[in-house]
């Protein structure tokens, strides 16, 4: 059963959306009526990105475009914004910073080049995406950054990736009062399973909708109770 078209007339950008969570988010937003720009980086991602655009058009009955770009470069965000405005008009309503480089390198293996690659994509790119989108955001716009529970809990072999996501959350939460950022932890059972892409997409769709209008500046953990903050 199709979700209600609560995002009709909205324009969304989802970075890193050729597969996985990003693909599920883009399709869910489109199914709710949003026009969607999806981005991808490598040539091998072109086919799944094109397929997602076609799926959105045929199954979600909405408009979509895809943009190939390297978010490690400072000029990529403006290219994405320009393509979106050209395709869908003068405003942007939803920005989902999903693109990220996952690093499994252990500390002795991390090079300066690898560190820069991870942080430029996972931390700098969302900031530059926001800067480029800012003049075109239409109230009440939504900025949604996809993080990782490793930003708050240690995982072997994910130090650089986890640090980049902690930096992303810190970038967002820098001006939020401490008593809001660090609420009391509550004992909640853990689901003992991995989350599905569609489950994350539904959370993002809610955050992008009018129903979440009183939610701002929050780090929301969709982790089956594993991380609570």
C-alpha atoms as a PDB file:
ATOM      1  CA  UNK A   1       0.000   0.000   0.000  1.00  0.00           C
ATOM      2  CA  UNK A   2       1.405   3.385  -1.058  1.00  0.00           C
ATOM      3  CA  UNK A   3       2.061   5.947   1.692  1.00  0.00           C
ATOM      4  CA  UNK A   4       0.001   9.170   1.797  1.00  0.00           C
ATOM      5  CA  UNK A   5       1.359  11.873  -0.512  1.00  0.00           C
ATOM      6  CA  UNK A   6       2.230  14.257   2.294  1.00  0.00           C
ATOM      7  CA  UNK A   7       5.216  15.722   0.409  1.00  0.00           C
ATOM      8  CA  UNK A   8       3.377  16.734  -2.771  1.00  0.00           C
ATOM      9  CA  UNK A   9       5.006  19.828  -4.269  1.00  0.00           C
ATOM     10  CA  UNK A  10       8.207  19.425  -2.237  1.00  0.00           C
ATOM     11  CA  UNK A  11      11.684  19.194  -3.767  1.00  0.00           C
ATOM     12  CA  UNK A  12      14.233  16.888  -2.126  1.00  0.00           C
ATOM     13  CA  UNK A  13      17.929  16.130  -2.593  1.00  0.00           C
ATOM     14  CA  UNK A  14      19.347  12.822  -1.354  1.00  0.00           C
ATOM     15  CA  UNK A  15      23.103  12.377  -1.669  1.00  0.00           C
ATOM     16  CA  UNK A  16      24.616   8.925  -2.106  1.00  0.00           C
ATOM     17  CA  UNK A  17      21.296   7.488  -3.254  1.00  0.00           C
ATOM     18  CA  UNK A  18      22.186   4.903  -5.890  1.00  0.00           C
ATOM     19  CA  UNK A  19      21.828   2.011  -3.433  1.00  0.00           C
ATOM     20  CA  UNK A  20      21.186   1.003   0.171  1.00  0.00           C
ATOM     21  CA  UNK A  21      19.713   3.452   2.655  1.00  0.00           C
ATOM     22  CA  UNK A  22      19.993   6.411   0.282  1.00  0.00           C
ATOM     23  CA  UNK A  23      18.048   4.618  -2.434  1.00  0.00           C
ATOM     24  CA  UNK A  24      15.316   3.634   0.025  1.00  0.00           C
ATOM     25  CA  UNK A  25      15.070   7.201   1.335  1.00  0.00           C
ATOM     26  CA  UNK A  26      14.824   8.697  -2.159  1.00  0.00           C
ATOM     27  CA  UNK A  27      12.106   6.261  -3.217  1.00  0.00           C
ATOM     28  CA  UNK A  28      10.113   6.769  -0.021  1.00  0.00           C
ATOM     29  CA  UNK A  29      10.197  10.563  -0.346  1.00  0.00           C
ATOM     30  CA  UNK A  30       9.135  10.278  -3.995  1.00  0.00           C
ATOM     31  CA  UNK A  31       6.321   7.893  -3.029  1.00  0.00           C
ATOM     32  CA  UNK A  32       5.034  10.632  -0.734  1.00  0.00           C
ATOM     33  CA  UNK A  33       4.972  13.101  -3.626  1.00  0.00           C
ATOM     34  CA  UNK A  34       8.379  14.808  -3.522  1.00  0.00           C
ATOM     35  CA  UNK A  35      10.427  15.501  -6.628  1.00  0.00           C
ATOM     36  CA  UNK A  36      13.864  14.059  -5.956  1.00  0.00           C
ATOM     37  CA  UNK A  37      17.450  14.663  -7.019  1.00  0.00           C
ATOM     38  CA  UNK A  38      19.673  11.678  -6.273  1.00  0.00           C
ATOM     39  CA  UNK A  39      23.452  11.823  -6.418  1.00  0.00           C
ATOM     40  CA  UNK A  40      26.090   9.178  -7.025  1.00  0.00           C
ATOM     41  CA  UNK A  41      29.863   9.267  -7.429  1.00  0.00           C
ATOM     42  CA  UNK A  42      31.332   6.359  -9.396  1.00  0.00           C
ATOM     43  CA  UNK A  43      30.675   5.170 -12.943  1.00  0.00           C
ATOM     44  CA  UNK A  44      29.609   1.779 -11.600  1.00  0.00           C
ATOM     45  CA  UNK A  45      26.784   3.485  -9.712  1.00  0.00           C
ATOM     46  CA  UNK A  46      25.295   5.036 -12.856  1.00  0.00           C
ATOM     47  CA  UNK A  47      23.181   1.993 -13.762  1.00  0.00           C
ATOM     48  CA  UNK A  48      21.510   1.642 -10.324  1.00  0.00           C
ATOM     49  CA  UNK A  49      21.024   5.421 -10.135  1.00  0.00           C
ATOM     50  CA  UNK A  50      19.350   5.486 -13.556  1.00  0.00           C
ATOM     51  CA  UNK A  51      17.226   2.485 -12.554  1.00  0.00           C
ATOM     52  CA  UNK A  52      16.101   4.280  -9.386  1.00  0.00           C
ATOM     53  CA  UNK A  53      15.060   7.344 -11.396  1.00  0.00           C
ATOM     54  CA  UNK A  54      12.995   5.128 -13.703  1.00  0.00           C
ATOM     55  CA  UNK A  55      11.474   3.299 -10.719  1.00  0.00           C
ATOM     56  CA  UNK A  56      10.494   6.589  -9.099  1.00  0.00           C
ATOM     57  CA  UNK A  57       8.879   7.782 -12.311  1.00  0.00           C
ATOM     58  CA  UNK A  58       6.978   4.559 -12.988  1.00  0.00           C
ATOM     59  CA  UNK A  59       6.115   3.275  -9.503  1.00  0.00           C
ATOM     60  CA  UNK A  60       6.126   6.370  -7.286  1.00  0.00           C
ATOM     61  CA  UNK A  61       4.547   8.555  -9.977  1.00  0.00           C
ATOM     62  CA  UNK A  62       6.942  11.405  -9.239  1.00  0.00           C
ATOM     63  CA  UNK A  63       9.811  13.216 -10.940  1.00  0.00           C
ATOM     64  CA  UNK A  64      13.483  12.444 -10.354  1.00  0.00           C
ATOM     65  CA  UNK A  65      16.908  13.199 -11.767  1.00  0.00           C
ATOM     66  CA  UNK A  66      20.343  11.836 -10.963  1.00  0.00           C
ATOM     67  CA  UNK A  67      23.590  13.792 -10.773  1.00  0.00           C
ATOM     68  CA  UNK A  68      27.058  12.251 -10.855  1.00  0.00           C
ATOM     69  CA  UNK A  69      29.588  14.150  -8.771  1.00  0.00           C
ATOM     70  CA  UNK A  70      32.461  13.690  -6.360  1.00  0.00           C
ATOM     71  CA  UNK A  71      31.428  15.194  -3.039  1.00  0.00           C
ATOM     72  CA  UNK A  72      35.060  15.295  -1.943  1.00  0.00           C
ATOM     73  CA  UNK A  73      35.453  18.300  -4.264  1.00  0.00           C
ATOM     74  CA  UNK A  74      34.268  21.718  -3.051  1.00  0.00           C
ATOM     75  CA  UNK A  75      32.460  22.528  -6.303  1.00  0.00           C
ATOM     76  CA  UNK A  76      30.194  19.431  -6.274  1.00  0.00           C
ATOM     77  CA  UNK A  77      27.476  20.828  -3.948  1.00  0.00           C
ATOM     78  CA  UNK A  78      26.793  23.827  -6.174  1.00  0.00           C
ATOM     79  CA  UNK A  79      26.547  21.558  -9.216  1.00  0.00           C
ATOM     80  CA  UNK A  80      23.912  19.477  -7.417  1.00  0.00           C
ATOM     81  CA  UNK A  81      21.924  22.553  -6.400  1.00  0.00           C
ATOM     82  CA  UNK A  82      22.095  24.036  -9.914  1.00  0.00           C
ATOM     83  CA  UNK A  83      20.865  20.787 -11.494  1.00  0.00           C
ATOM     84  CA  UNK A  84      18.013  20.583  -8.983  1.00  0.00           C
ATOM     85  CA  UNK A  85      16.864  24.155  -9.563  1.00  0.00           C
ATOM     86  CA  UNK A  86      17.038  23.685 -13.333  1.00  0.00           C
ATOM     87  CA  UNK A  87      14.923  20.518 -13.162  1.00  0.00           C
ATOM     88  CA  UNK A  88      12.381  21.397 -10.481  1.00  0.00           C
ATOM     89  CA  UNK A  89      12.192  25.156 -10.044  1.00  0.00           C
ATOM     90  CA  UNK A  90      13.405  27.876  -7.684  1.00  0.00           C
ATOM     91  CA  UNK A  91      13.120  26.265  -4.256  1.00  0.00           C
ATOM     92  CA  UNK A  92      14.418  23.279  -2.260  1.00  0.00           C
ATOM     93  CA  UNK A  93      12.507  21.824   0.679  1.00  0.00           C
ATOM     94  CA  UNK A  94      14.427  18.752   1.866  1.00  0.00           C
ATOM     95  CA  UNK A  95      18.163  18.025   1.955  1.00  0.00           C
ATOM     96  CA  UNK A  96      19.256  14.558   3.067  1.00  0.00           C
ATOM     97  CA  UNK A  97      23.024  14.289   3.522  1.00  0.00           C
ATOM     98  CA  UNK A  98      23.369  10.527   3.217  1.00  0.00           C
ATOM     99  CA  UNK A  99      26.540  10.078   1.141  1.00  0.00           C
ATOM    100  CA  UNK A 100      29.478   8.763   3.104  1.00  0.00           C
ATOM    101  CA  UNK A 101      32.690   6.803   2.860  1.00  0.00           C
ATOM    102  CA  UNK A 102      32.850   3.862   5.263  1.00  0.00           C
ATOM    103  CA  UNK A 103      36.328   3.285   6.622  1.00  0.00           C
ATOM    104  CA  UNK A 104      37.404  -0.040   8.083  1.00  0.00           C
ATOM    105  CA  UNK A 105      41.062   0.915   8.342  1.00  0.00           C
ATOM    106  CA  UNK A 106      42.832   0.272  11.626  1.00  0.00           C
ATOM    107  CA  UNK A 107      44.898   3.035  13.188  1.00  0.00           C
ATOM    108  CA  UNK A 108      48.315   1.883  11.841  1.00  0.00           C
ATOM    109  CA  UNK A 109      46.862   1.724   8.314  1.00  0.00           C
ATOM    110  CA  UNK A 110      45.333   5.218   8.143  1.00  0.00           C
ATOM    111  CA  UNK A 111      47.066   7.573   5.730  1.00  0.00           C
ATOM    112  CA  UNK A 112      46.641  11.324   5.388  1.00  0.00           C
ATOM    113  CA  UNK A 113      44.994  10.789   2.008  1.00  0.00           C
ATOM    114  CA  UNK A 114      42.494   8.291   3.432  1.00  0.00           C
ATOM    115  CA  UNK A 115      41.712  10.531   6.402  1.00  0.00           C
ATOM    116  CA  UNK A 116      41.039  13.488   4.100  1.00  0.00           C
ATOM    117  CA  UNK A 117      38.876  11.359   1.805  1.00  0.00           C
ATOM    118  CA  UNK A 118      36.652  10.254   4.695  1.00  0.00           C
ATOM    119  CA  UNK A 119      36.355  13.659   6.357  1.00  0.00           C
ATOM    120  CA  UNK A 120      35.902  15.616   3.132  1.00  0.00           C
ATOM    121  CA  UNK A 121      32.989  13.366   2.152  1.00  0.00           C
ATOM    122  CA  UNK A 122      31.399  12.747   5.545  1.00  0.00           C
ATOM    123  CA  UNK A 123      31.887  16.127   7.238  1.00  0.00           C
ATOM    124  CA  UNK A 124      32.868  18.879   4.810  1.00  0.00           C
ATOM    125  CA  UNK A 125      30.446  17.888   2.033  1.00  0.00           C
ATOM    126  CA  UNK A 126      27.291  18.129   4.212  1.00  0.00           C
ATOM    127  CA  UNK A 127      28.395  21.593   5.344  1.00  0.00           C
ATOM    128  CA  UNK A 128      29.011  22.751   1.766  1.00  0.00           C
ATOM    129  CA  UNK A 129      25.724  21.168   0.643  1.00  0.00           C
ATOM    130  CA  UNK A 130      23.906  23.228   3.267  1.00  0.00           C
ATOM    131  CA  UNK A 131      25.763  26.386   2.249  1.00  0.00           C
ATOM    132  CA  UNK A 132      24.855  25.887  -1.414  1.00  0.00           C
ATOM    133  CA  UNK A 133      21.223  25.049  -0.649  1.00  0.00           C
ATOM    134  CA  UNK A 134      20.665  27.790   1.931  1.00  0.00           C
ATOM    135  CA  UNK A 135      19.619  30.614  -0.447  1.00  0.00           C
ATOM    136  CA  UNK A 136      16.995  28.338  -2.001  1.00  0.00           C
ATOM    137  CA  UNK A 137      15.506  26.654   1.074  1.00  0.00           C
ATOM    138  CA  UNK A 138      11.779  27.251   1.419  1.00  0.00           C
ATOM    139  CA  UNK A 139      10.288  27.448   4.921  1.00  0.00           C
ATOM    140  CA  UNK A 140       9.723  25.029   6.609  1.00  0.00           C
ATOM    141  CA  UNK A 141      12.734  23.308   5.023  1.00  0.00           C
ATOM    142  CA  UNK A 142      14.280  20.140   6.457  1.00  0.00           C
ATOM    143  CA  UNK A 143      17.998  19.307   6.703  1.00  0.00           C
ATOM    144  CA  UNK A 144      18.562  15.646   7.630  1.00  0.00           C
ATOM    145  CA  UNK A 145      22.060  14.257   8.200  1.00  0.00           C
ATOM    146  CA  UNK A 146      22.476  10.475   8.263  1.00  0.00           C
ATOM    147  CA  UNK A 147      24.901   9.471  11.016  1.00  0.00           C
ATOM    148  CA  UNK A 148      26.096   6.213  12.603  1.00  0.00           C
ATOM    149  CA  UNK A 149      25.758   4.877  16.152  1.00  0.00           C
ATOM    150  CA  UNK A 150      29.553   4.492  16.163  1.00  0.00           C
ATOM    151  CA  UNK A 151      29.662   8.269  16.613  1.00  0.00           C
ATOM    152  CA  UNK A 152      28.662   7.587  20.232  1.00  0.00           C
ATOM    153  CA  UNK A 153      29.913   4.041  20.830  1.00  0.00           C
ATOM    154  CA  UNK A 154      33.192   2.353  19.949  1.00  0.00           C
ATOM    155  CA  UNK A 155      33.379  -0.169  17.108  1.00  0.00           C
ATOM    156  CA  UNK A 156      36.632  -1.993  16.267  1.00  0.00           C
ATOM    157  CA  UNK A 157      38.108  -0.871  12.968  1.00  0.00           C
ATOM    158  CA  UNK A 158      35.733   2.052  12.417  1.00  0.00           C
ATOM    159  CA  UNK A 159      37.672   4.795  14.174  1.00  0.00           C
ATOM    160  CA  UNK A 160      37.988   7.211  11.255  1.00  0.00           C
ATOM    161  CA  UNK A 161      34.431   6.639  10.057  1.00  0.00           C
ATOM    162  CA  UNK A 162      32.989   6.948  13.571  1.00  0.00           C
ATOM    163  CA  UNK A 163      35.023  10.093  14.207  1.00  0.00           C
ATOM    164  CA  UNK A 164      33.722  11.654  11.005  1.00  0.00           C
ATOM    165  CA  UNK A 165      30.126  10.952  12.012  1.00  0.00           C
ATOM    166  CA  UNK A 166      30.757  12.345  15.495  1.00  0.00           C
ATOM    167  CA  UNK A 167      32.088  15.477  13.807  1.00  0.00           C
ATOM    168  CA  UNK A 168      28.969  15.641  11.632  1.00  0.00           C
ATOM    169  CA  UNK A 169      26.719  15.436  14.697  1.00  0.00           C
ATOM    170  CA  UNK A 170      28.850  18.004  16.500  1.00  0.00           C
ATOM    171  CA  UNK A 171      28.586  20.338  13.524  1.00  0.00           C
ATOM    172  CA  UNK A 172      24.800  20.129  13.778  1.00  0.00           C
ATOM    173  CA  UNK A 173      24.463  20.203  17.559  1.00  0.00           C
ATOM    174  CA  UNK A 174      27.072  22.831  18.392  1.00  0.00           C
ATOM    175  CA  UNK A 175      24.507  25.448  19.411  1.00  0.00           C
ATOM    176  CA  UNK A 176      22.004  23.101  21.089  1.00  0.00           C
ATOM    177  CA  UNK A 177      21.880  23.269  24.931  1.00  0.00           C
ATOM    178  CA  UNK A 178      23.668  20.438  26.711  1.00  0.00           C
ATOM    179  CA  UNK A 179      20.565  19.367  28.634  1.00  0.00           C
ATOM    180  CA  UNK A 180      18.863  18.640  25.295  1.00  0.00           C
ATOM    181  CA  UNK A 181      21.816  16.917  23.628  1.00  0.00           C
ATOM    182  CA  UNK A 182      22.506  14.657  26.620  1.00  0.00           C
ATOM    183  CA  UNK A 183      19.153  13.437  28.005  1.00  0.00           C
ATOM    184  CA  UNK A 184      18.972  10.743  30.648  1.00  0.00           C
ATOM    185  CA  UNK A 185      19.501   7.280  29.220  1.00  0.00           C
ATOM    186  CA  UNK A 186      16.589   4.883  29.667  1.00  0.00           C
ATOM    187  CA  UNK A 187      16.766   1.095  29.840  1.00  0.00           C
ATOM    188  CA  UNK A 188      15.300  -0.171  26.550  1.00  0.00           C
ATOM    189  CA  UNK A 189      15.639  -3.683  25.105  1.00  0.00           C
ATOM    190  CA  UNK A 190      17.829  -3.992  22.026  1.00  0.00           C
ATOM    191  CA  UNK A 191      16.200  -5.573  18.969  1.00  0.00           C
ATOM    192  CA  UNK A 192      19.229  -7.818  18.309  1.00  0.00           C
ATOM    193  CA  UNK A 193      19.022  -7.395  14.540  1.00  0.00           C
ATOM    194  CA  UNK A 194      20.226  -5.069  11.825  1.00  0.00           C
ATOM    195  CA  UNK A 195      17.855  -2.361  10.709  1.00  0.00           C
ATOM    196  CA  UNK A 196      16.331  -2.414   7.233  1.00  0.00           C
ATOM    197  CA  UNK A 197      16.873   0.419   4.766  1.00  0.00           C
ATOM    198  CA  UNK A 198      13.112   0.918   4.577  1.00  0.00           C
ATOM    199  CA  UNK A 199      12.939   1.470   8.348  1.00  0.00           C
ATOM    200  CA  UNK A 200      15.486   4.290   8.123  1.00  0.00           C
ATOM    201  CA  UNK A 201      13.652   5.720   5.106  1.00  0.00           C
ATOM    202  CA  UNK A 202      10.403   5.941   7.093  1.00  0.00           C
ATOM    203  CA  UNK A 203      12.140   7.896   9.856  1.00  0.00           C
ATOM    204  CA  UNK A 204      13.581  10.300   7.276  1.00  0.00           C
ATOM    205  CA  UNK A 205      10.173  10.670   5.599  1.00  0.00           C
ATOM    206  CA  UNK A 206       8.624  11.616   8.946  1.00  0.00           C
ATOM    207  CA  UNK A 207      11.386  14.147   9.628  1.00  0.00           C
ATOM    208  CA  UNK A 208      10.777  15.612   6.165  1.00  0.00           C
ATOM    209  CA  UNK A 209       7.025  15.952   6.748  1.00  0.00           C
ATOM    210  CA  UNK A 210       4.912  18.602   8.479  1.00  0.00           C
ATOM    211  CA  UNK A 211       4.268  16.118  11.284  1.00  0.00           C
ATOM    212  CA  UNK A 212       7.781  16.737  12.642  1.00  0.00           C
ATOM    213  CA  UNK A 213       7.509  20.544  12.545  1.00  0.00           C
ATOM    214  CA  UNK A 214       8.339  20.859  16.276  1.00  0.00           C
ATOM    215  CA  UNK A 215      11.471  18.695  15.987  1.00  0.00           C
ATOM    216  CA  UNK A 216      14.705  20.588  15.342  1.00  0.00           C
ATOM    217  CA  UNK A 217      18.373  20.203  16.229  1.00  0.00           C
ATOM    218  CA  UNK A 218      18.012  16.600  17.381  1.00  0.00           C
ATOM    219  CA  UNK A 219      20.196  13.512  16.983  1.00  0.00           C
ATOM    220  CA  UNK A 220      17.659  10.711  16.526  1.00  0.00           C
ATOM    221  CA  UNK A 221      18.871   7.136  16.941  1.00  0.00           C
ATOM    222  CA  UNK A 222      17.030   4.625  14.759  1.00  0.00           C
ATOM    223  CA  UNK A 223      18.949   1.622  16.066  1.00  0.00           C
ATOM    224  CA  UNK A 224      16.404  -0.703  17.656  1.00  0.00           C
ATOM    225  CA  UNK A 225      17.303   0.526  21.122  1.00  0.00           C
ATOM    226  CA  UNK A 226      21.073  -0.009  20.778  1.00  0.00           C
ATOM    227  CA  UNK A 227      21.947   3.654  21.197  1.00  0.00           C
ATOM    228  CA  UNK A 228      19.813   6.037  23.243  1.00  0.00           C
ATOM    229  CA  UNK A 229      20.465   9.776  23.376  1.00  0.00           C
END
